[in-house]
Amino acid sequence: MGWSTTIVAPPDGSMNDYIASLEKLLTRPETIYLPGHGAPVKSAHGFVRGIRSHRRMRERAIIERLAVGDQTIAEMVEVIYRTTDRKLHGAAALSVLAHLEALVESGRAATDGPPVLGGRYRLAG
């Protein structure tokens, strides 16, 4: 989308795959993107770098929430998305889940069982 970040929503989306696709786009020569939603993006690589930076910032925020003891996605969403309209918190929860799946896969976070919306999470180690 040319006007907003994409929601990566498991099980249909993988944050690791999404980040890999952003990295791949940065290796391509295109300077303009014609997204399916929104106006043309005229600074393609700058736009992708901005999205990647936003995702890294969200990941850091989730790690910080785990570090202070948040265990559920609902707890994290309440703090990380405190300035976001509450009607969007369901979509935000899916994004947090996608990040947690990636963190669990990389060994930086842990959960008992597979990552799910109602799961409990902690920093690994």
N, C-alpha and C. Protein backbone atom coordinates (compact mmCIF):
# COMPACT_ATOMS: atom_id res chain seq x y z
N MET A 1 0.84 -1.18 0.00
CA MET A 1 0.00 0.00 0.00
C MET A 1 0.88 1.24 0.00
N GLY A 2 0.47 2.21 -0.72
CA GLY A 2 1.26 3.42 -0.79
C GLY A 2 1.00 4.41 0.32
N TRP A 3 0.02 4.16 1.17
CA TRP A 3 -0.35 5.15 2.19
C TRP A 3 -0.27 4.63 3.61
N SER A 4 0.06 3.37 3.79
CA SER A 4 0.08 2.80 5.13
C SER A 4 0.94 1.54 5.13
N THR A 5 1.30 1.09 6.32
CA THR A 5 2.01 -0.17 6.41
C THR A 5 1.03 -1.31 6.20
N THR A 6 1.51 -2.41 5.70
CA THR A 6 0.71 -3.59 5.47
C THR A 6 0.57 -4.36 6.77
N ILE A 7 -0.60 -4.90 7.01
CA ILE A 7 -0.79 -5.75 8.18
C ILE A 7 -0.36 -7.16 7.79
N VAL A 8 0.56 -7.70 8.54
CA VAL A 8 0.99 -9.08 8.35
C VAL A 8 0.20 -9.89 9.37
N ALA A 9 -0.71 -10.72 8.89
CA ALA A 9 -1.65 -11.41 9.78
C ALA A 9 -1.52 -12.92 9.66
N PRO A 10 -0.90 -13.55 10.66
CA PRO A 10 -0.84 -15.00 10.66
C PRO A 10 -2.25 -15.60 10.73
N PRO A 11 -2.47 -16.75 10.18
CA PRO A 11 -1.51 -17.67 9.58
C PRO A 11 -1.24 -17.37 8.11
N ASP A 12 -1.93 -16.37 7.55
CA ASP A 12 -1.77 -16.07 6.12
C ASP A 12 -0.49 -15.31 5.80
N GLY A 13 0.09 -14.65 6.79
CA GLY A 13 1.29 -13.87 6.56
C GLY A 13 2.37 -14.20 7.56
N SER A 14 3.60 -14.10 7.13
CA SER A 14 4.77 -14.36 7.97
C SER A 14 5.63 -13.10 8.00
N MET A 15 5.95 -12.63 9.19
CA MET A 15 6.79 -11.43 9.30
C MET A 15 8.16 -11.69 8.69
N ASN A 16 8.72 -12.88 8.90
CA ASN A 16 10.03 -13.18 8.31
C ASN A 16 9.96 -13.11 6.79
N ASP A 17 8.92 -13.65 6.19
CA ASP A 17 8.76 -13.59 4.74
C ASP A 17 8.57 -12.14 4.27
N TYR A 18 7.80 -11.38 5.03
CA TYR A 18 7.55 -9.98 4.67
C TYR A 18 8.85 -9.18 4.70
N ILE A 19 9.63 -9.34 5.75
CA ILE A 19 10.91 -8.62 5.85
C ILE A 19 11.84 -9.05 4.72
N ALA A 20 11.87 -10.34 4.41
CA ALA A 20 12.71 -10.83 3.30
C ALA A 20 12.27 -10.20 1.98
N SER A 21 10.97 -10.02 1.80
CA SER A 21 10.50 -9.39 0.55
C SER A 21 10.90 -7.92 0.49
N LEU A 22 10.91 -7.24 1.64
CA LEU A 22 11.37 -5.84 1.66
C LEU A 22 12.85 -5.78 1.28
N GLU A 23 13.64 -6.68 1.85
CA GLU A 23 15.08 -6.71 1.53
C GLU A 23 15.28 -6.97 0.04
N LYS A 24 14.48 -7.86 -0.52
CA LYS A 24 14.60 -8.16 -1.95
C LYS A 24 14.26 -6.94 -2.80
N LEU A 25 13.22 -6.20 -2.40
CA LEU A 25 12.86 -5.00 -3.15
C LEU A 25 14.00 -3.98 -3.16
N LEU A 26 14.76 -3.91 -2.08
CA LEU A 26 15.86 -2.95 -2.01
C LEU A 26 17.00 -3.29 -2.97
N THR A 27 17.03 -4.52 -3.46
CA THR A 27 18.08 -4.90 -4.41
C THR A 27 17.65 -4.64 -5.85
N ARG A 28 16.39 -4.30 -6.05
CA ARG A 28 15.87 -4.11 -7.41
C ARG A 28 16.06 -2.67 -7.86
N PRO A 29 16.08 -2.41 -9.17
CA PRO A 29 16.38 -1.08 -9.68
C PRO A 29 15.19 -0.12 -9.76
N GLU A 30 13.97 -0.58 -9.55
CA GLU A 30 12.81 0.30 -9.73
C GLU A 30 12.88 1.51 -8.80
N THR A 31 12.45 2.66 -9.31
CA THR A 31 12.43 3.89 -8.51
C THR A 31 11.01 4.34 -8.21
N ILE A 32 10.04 3.76 -8.89
CA ILE A 32 8.62 4.07 -8.66
C ILE A 32 7.87 2.76 -8.51
N TYR A 33 6.99 2.71 -7.51
CA TYR A 33 6.11 1.55 -7.33
C TYR A 33 4.68 1.98 -7.63
N LEU A 34 3.93 1.08 -8.21
CA LEU A 34 2.52 1.30 -8.48
C LEU A 34 1.73 0.31 -7.63
N PRO A 35 1.47 0.66 -6.36
CA PRO A 35 0.83 -0.29 -5.45
C PRO A 35 -0.63 -0.56 -5.82
N GLY A 36 -1.13 -1.66 -5.34
CA GLY A 36 -2.53 -2.01 -5.56
C GLY A 36 -3.47 -1.09 -4.80
N HIS A 37 -2.99 -0.46 -3.74
CA HIS A 37 -3.77 0.48 -2.95
C HIS A 37 -2.97 1.76 -2.78
N GLY A 38 -3.54 2.88 -3.15
CA GLY A 38 -2.87 4.16 -2.96
C GLY A 38 -2.21 4.68 -4.23
N ALA A 39 -1.68 5.87 -4.09
CA ALA A 39 -1.03 6.56 -5.20
C ALA A 39 0.34 5.95 -5.50
N PRO A 40 0.89 6.27 -6.66
CA PRO A 40 2.25 5.80 -6.96
C PRO A 40 3.24 6.25 -5.88
N VAL A 41 4.21 5.38 -5.62
CA VAL A 41 5.27 5.67 -4.66
C VAL A 41 6.48 6.06 -5.47
N LYS A 42 6.87 7.33 -5.40
CA LYS A 42 7.93 7.84 -6.27
C LYS A 42 9.34 7.66 -5.74
N SER A 43 9.49 7.46 -4.47
CA SER A 43 10.81 7.20 -3.90
C SER A 43 10.80 5.78 -3.35
N ALA A 44 10.84 4.81 -4.26
CA ALA A 44 10.60 3.41 -3.91
C ALA A 44 11.52 2.90 -2.80
N HIS A 45 12.81 3.09 -2.94
CA HIS A 45 13.73 2.54 -1.95
C HIS A 45 13.60 3.27 -0.61
N GLY A 46 13.39 4.55 -0.64
CA GLY A 46 13.17 5.29 0.61
C GLY A 46 11.92 4.83 1.32
N PHE A 47 10.88 4.55 0.55
CA PHE A 47 9.63 4.05 1.10
C PHE A 47 9.84 2.69 1.77
N VAL A 48 10.55 1.80 1.08
CA VAL A 48 10.80 0.46 1.63
C VAL A 48 11.68 0.55 2.87
N ARG A 49 12.69 1.40 2.85
CA ARG A 49 13.54 1.57 4.04
C ARG A 49 12.72 2.08 5.22
N GLY A 50 11.76 2.97 4.94
CA GLY A 50 10.88 3.47 6.00
C GLY A 50 10.01 2.37 6.59
N ILE A 51 9.47 1.51 5.74
CA ILE A 51 8.66 0.38 6.22
C ILE A 51 9.52 -0.56 7.05
N ARG A 52 10.71 -0.85 6.55
CA ARG A 52 11.62 -1.74 7.29
C ARG A 52 11.97 -1.14 8.65
N SER A 53 12.23 0.14 8.69
CA SER A 53 12.53 0.83 9.94
C SER A 53 11.34 0.76 10.91
N HIS A 54 10.14 0.95 10.38
CA HIS A 54 8.93 0.86 11.20
C HIS A 54 8.80 -0.54 11.80
N ARG A 55 9.03 -1.57 11.02
CA ARG A 55 8.93 -2.95 11.51
C ARG A 55 9.99 -3.23 12.57
N ARG A 56 11.19 -2.71 12.39
CA ARG A 56 12.25 -2.88 13.39
C ARG A 56 11.87 -2.18 14.69
N MET A 57 11.27 -1.00 14.57
CA MET A 57 10.83 -0.25 15.74
C MET A 57 9.74 -1.03 16.49
N ARG A 58 8.81 -1.63 15.75
CA ARG A 58 7.76 -2.43 16.39
C ARG A 58 8.36 -3.64 17.09
N GLU A 59 9.32 -4.28 16.45
CA GLU A 59 9.97 -5.43 17.07
C GLU A 59 10.66 -5.03 18.37
N ARG A 60 11.35 -3.90 18.36
CA ARG A 60 12.01 -3.42 19.59
C ARG A 60 10.98 -3.13 20.68
N ALA A 61 9.85 -2.55 20.30
CA ALA A 61 8.81 -2.24 21.27
C ALA A 61 8.26 -3.53 21.90
N ILE A 62 8.10 -4.56 21.11
CA ILE A 62 7.60 -5.85 21.63
C ILE A 62 8.63 -6.46 22.57
N ILE A 63 9.90 -6.42 22.20
CA ILE A 63 10.96 -6.94 23.07
C ILE A 63 10.99 -6.15 24.39
N GLU A 64 10.82 -4.84 24.32
CA GLU A 64 10.77 -4.02 25.53
C GLU A 64 9.60 -4.42 26.42
N ARG A 65 8.45 -4.69 25.82
CA ARG A 65 7.27 -5.09 26.60
C ARG A 65 7.52 -6.45 27.26
N LEU A 66 8.15 -7.37 26.54
CA LEU A 66 8.49 -8.66 27.14
C LEU A 66 9.47 -8.46 28.30
N ALA A 67 10.41 -7.56 28.13
CA ALA A 67 11.43 -7.31 29.15
C ALA A 67 10.82 -6.75 30.44
N VAL A 68 9.74 -6.00 30.34
CA VAL A 68 9.12 -5.46 31.55
C VAL A 68 8.06 -6.39 32.13
N GLY A 69 7.84 -7.54 31.47
CA GLY A 69 6.97 -8.55 32.04
C GLY A 69 5.64 -8.77 31.36
N ASP A 70 5.33 -8.02 30.30
CA ASP A 70 4.10 -8.33 29.56
C ASP A 70 4.21 -9.75 29.02
N GLN A 71 3.13 -10.49 29.14
CA GLN A 71 3.14 -11.87 28.66
C GLN A 71 2.14 -12.13 27.54
N THR A 72 1.16 -11.25 27.41
CA THR A 72 0.12 -11.49 26.41
C THR A 72 0.13 -10.41 25.34
N ILE A 73 -0.39 -10.76 24.21
CA ILE A 73 -0.49 -9.80 23.11
C ILE A 73 -1.39 -8.65 23.50
N ALA A 74 -2.47 -8.94 24.21
CA ALA A 74 -3.39 -7.88 24.64
C ALA A 74 -2.67 -6.85 25.51
N GLU A 75 -1.81 -7.29 26.41
CA GLU A 75 -1.05 -6.35 27.25
C GLU A 75 -0.14 -5.48 26.39
N MET A 76 0.51 -6.10 25.43
CA MET A 76 1.44 -5.36 24.57
C MET A 76 0.71 -4.35 23.69
N VAL A 77 -0.39 -4.77 23.10
CA VAL A 77 -1.17 -3.88 22.22
C VAL A 77 -1.65 -2.66 23.01
N GLU A 78 -2.09 -2.89 24.23
CA GLU A 78 -2.60 -1.80 25.07
C GLU A 78 -1.57 -0.68 25.24
N VAL A 79 -0.30 -1.04 25.33
CA VAL A 79 0.76 -0.05 25.53
C VAL A 79 1.32 0.44 24.19
N ILE A 80 1.70 -0.48 23.33
CA ILE A 80 2.36 -0.12 22.08
C ILE A 80 1.44 0.70 21.17
N TYR A 81 0.16 0.37 21.18
CA TYR A 81 -0.81 1.04 20.30
C TYR A 81 -1.75 1.95 21.09
N ARG A 82 -1.26 2.51 22.20
CA ARG A 82 -2.12 3.33 23.07
C ARG A 82 -2.70 4.55 22.37
N THR A 83 -2.03 5.06 21.35
CA THR A 83 -2.54 6.24 20.64
C THR A 83 -3.32 5.88 19.38
N THR A 84 -3.48 4.58 19.13
CA THR A 84 -4.20 4.09 17.96
C THR A 84 -5.66 3.85 18.33
N ASP A 85 -6.56 4.21 17.44
CA ASP A 85 -7.99 3.97 17.66
C ASP A 85 -8.20 2.52 18.09
N ARG A 86 -8.93 2.33 19.17
CA ARG A 86 -9.16 0.98 19.72
C ARG A 86 -9.83 0.05 18.71
N LYS A 87 -10.54 0.60 17.75
CA LYS A 87 -11.16 -0.23 16.71
C LYS A 87 -10.11 -0.96 15.89
N LEU A 88 -8.89 -0.47 15.89
CA LEU A 88 -7.80 -1.07 15.11
C LEU A 88 -6.94 -2.03 15.94
N HIS A 89 -7.27 -2.19 17.21
CA HIS A 89 -6.44 -3.04 18.08
C HIS A 89 -6.48 -4.51 17.67
N GLY A 90 -7.55 -4.98 17.06
CA GLY A 90 -7.58 -6.36 16.58
C GLY A 90 -6.55 -6.59 15.50
N ALA A 91 -6.47 -5.65 14.56
CA ALA A 91 -5.45 -5.75 13.50
C ALA A 91 -4.06 -5.60 14.11
N ALA A 92 -3.92 -4.71 15.08
CA ALA A 92 -2.62 -4.53 15.75
C ALA A 92 -2.20 -5.82 16.44
N ALA A 93 -3.14 -6.52 17.04
CA ALA A 93 -2.82 -7.78 17.72
C ALA A 93 -2.28 -8.81 16.74
N LEU A 94 -2.83 -8.85 15.53
CA LEU A 94 -2.31 -9.77 14.52
C LEU A 94 -0.89 -9.41 14.11
N SER A 95 -0.61 -8.11 14.03
CA SER A 95 0.74 -7.66 13.69
C SER A 95 1.72 -8.06 14.80
N VAL A 96 1.31 -7.87 16.06
CA VAL A 96 2.17 -8.27 17.18
C VAL A 96 2.40 -9.78 17.15
N LEU A 97 1.35 -10.54 16.85
CA LEU A 97 1.50 -11.99 16.74
C LEU A 97 2.53 -12.34 15.66
N ALA A 98 2.46 -11.67 14.53
CA ALA A 98 3.42 -11.94 13.45
C ALA A 98 4.85 -11.67 13.91
N HIS A 99 5.04 -10.57 14.64
CA HIS A 99 6.38 -10.27 15.17
C HIS A 99 6.80 -11.33 16.18
N LEU A 100 5.87 -11.74 17.05
CA LEU A 100 6.22 -12.75 18.05
C LEU A 100 6.56 -14.08 17.40
N GLU A 101 5.84 -14.45 16.35
CA GLU A 101 6.20 -15.68 15.62
C GLU A 101 7.64 -15.61 15.14
N ALA A 102 8.02 -14.46 14.58
CA ALA A 102 9.39 -14.30 14.08
C ALA A 102 10.40 -14.32 15.23
N LEU A 103 10.06 -13.70 16.35
CA LEU A 103 10.96 -13.70 17.51
C LEU A 103 11.12 -15.10 18.10
N VAL A 104 10.03 -15.86 18.14
CA VAL A 104 10.10 -17.24 18.63
C VAL A 104 10.95 -18.08 17.66
N GLU A 105 10.70 -17.91 16.37
CA GLU A 105 11.45 -18.67 15.36
C GLU A 105 12.95 -18.39 15.44
N SER A 106 13.31 -17.14 15.75
CA SER A 106 14.73 -16.79 15.83
C SER A 106 15.35 -17.11 17.19
N GLY A 107 14.51 -17.57 18.14
CA GLY A 107 15.03 -17.92 19.46
C GLY A 107 15.15 -16.74 20.42
N ARG A 108 14.60 -15.59 20.05
CA ARG A 108 14.70 -14.40 20.91
C ARG A 108 13.53 -14.28 21.88
N ALA A 109 12.44 -14.99 21.61
CA ALA A 109 11.29 -15.04 22.51
C ALA A 109 10.86 -16.49 22.61
N ALA A 110 10.07 -16.78 23.63
CA ALA A 110 9.60 -18.14 23.84
C ALA A 110 8.14 -18.13 24.24
N THR A 111 7.50 -19.25 23.99
CA THR A 111 6.11 -19.48 24.38
C THR A 111 5.92 -20.97 24.59
N ASP A 112 4.91 -21.33 25.35
CA ASP A 112 4.61 -22.75 25.53
C ASP A 112 3.64 -23.14 24.43
N GLY A 113 4.08 -23.96 23.50
CA GLY A 113 3.25 -24.33 22.36
C GLY A 113 3.48 -23.38 21.21
N PRO A 114 2.69 -23.50 20.17
CA PRO A 114 2.87 -22.62 19.00
C PRO A 114 2.40 -21.20 19.32
N PRO A 115 2.98 -20.20 18.66
CA PRO A 115 2.52 -18.83 18.87
C PRO A 115 1.06 -18.66 18.42
N VAL A 116 0.23 -18.15 19.32
CA VAL A 116 -1.18 -17.89 19.04
C VAL A 116 -1.59 -16.59 19.73
N LEU A 117 -2.71 -16.01 19.31
CA LEU A 117 -3.17 -14.76 19.90
C LEU A 117 -3.33 -14.84 21.41
N GLY A 118 -3.85 -15.94 21.92
CA GLY A 118 -4.08 -16.06 23.36
C GLY A 118 -2.93 -16.64 24.14
N GLY A 119 -1.77 -16.79 23.50
CA GLY A 119 -0.62 -17.39 24.16
C GLY A 119 0.05 -16.47 25.17
N ARG A 120 0.97 -17.06 25.92
CA ARG A 120 1.79 -16.30 26.86
C ARG A 120 3.23 -16.34 26.35
N TYR A 121 3.90 -15.20 26.42
CA TYR A 121 5.22 -15.05 25.82
C TYR A 121 6.21 -14.52 26.86
N ARG A 122 7.47 -14.77 26.58
CA ARG A 122 8.55 -14.28 27.43
C ARG A 122 9.81 -14.16 26.60
N LEU A 123 10.77 -13.42 27.10
CA LEU A 123 12.07 -13.39 26.42
C LEU A 123 12.71 -14.76 26.57
N ALA A 124 13.39 -15.19 25.56
CA ALA A 124 14.07 -16.49 25.61
C ALA A 124 15.35 -16.35 26.44
N GLY A 125 15.76 -17.45 26.98
CA GLY A 125 17.03 -17.46 27.67
C GLY A 125 16.86 -17.65 29.08
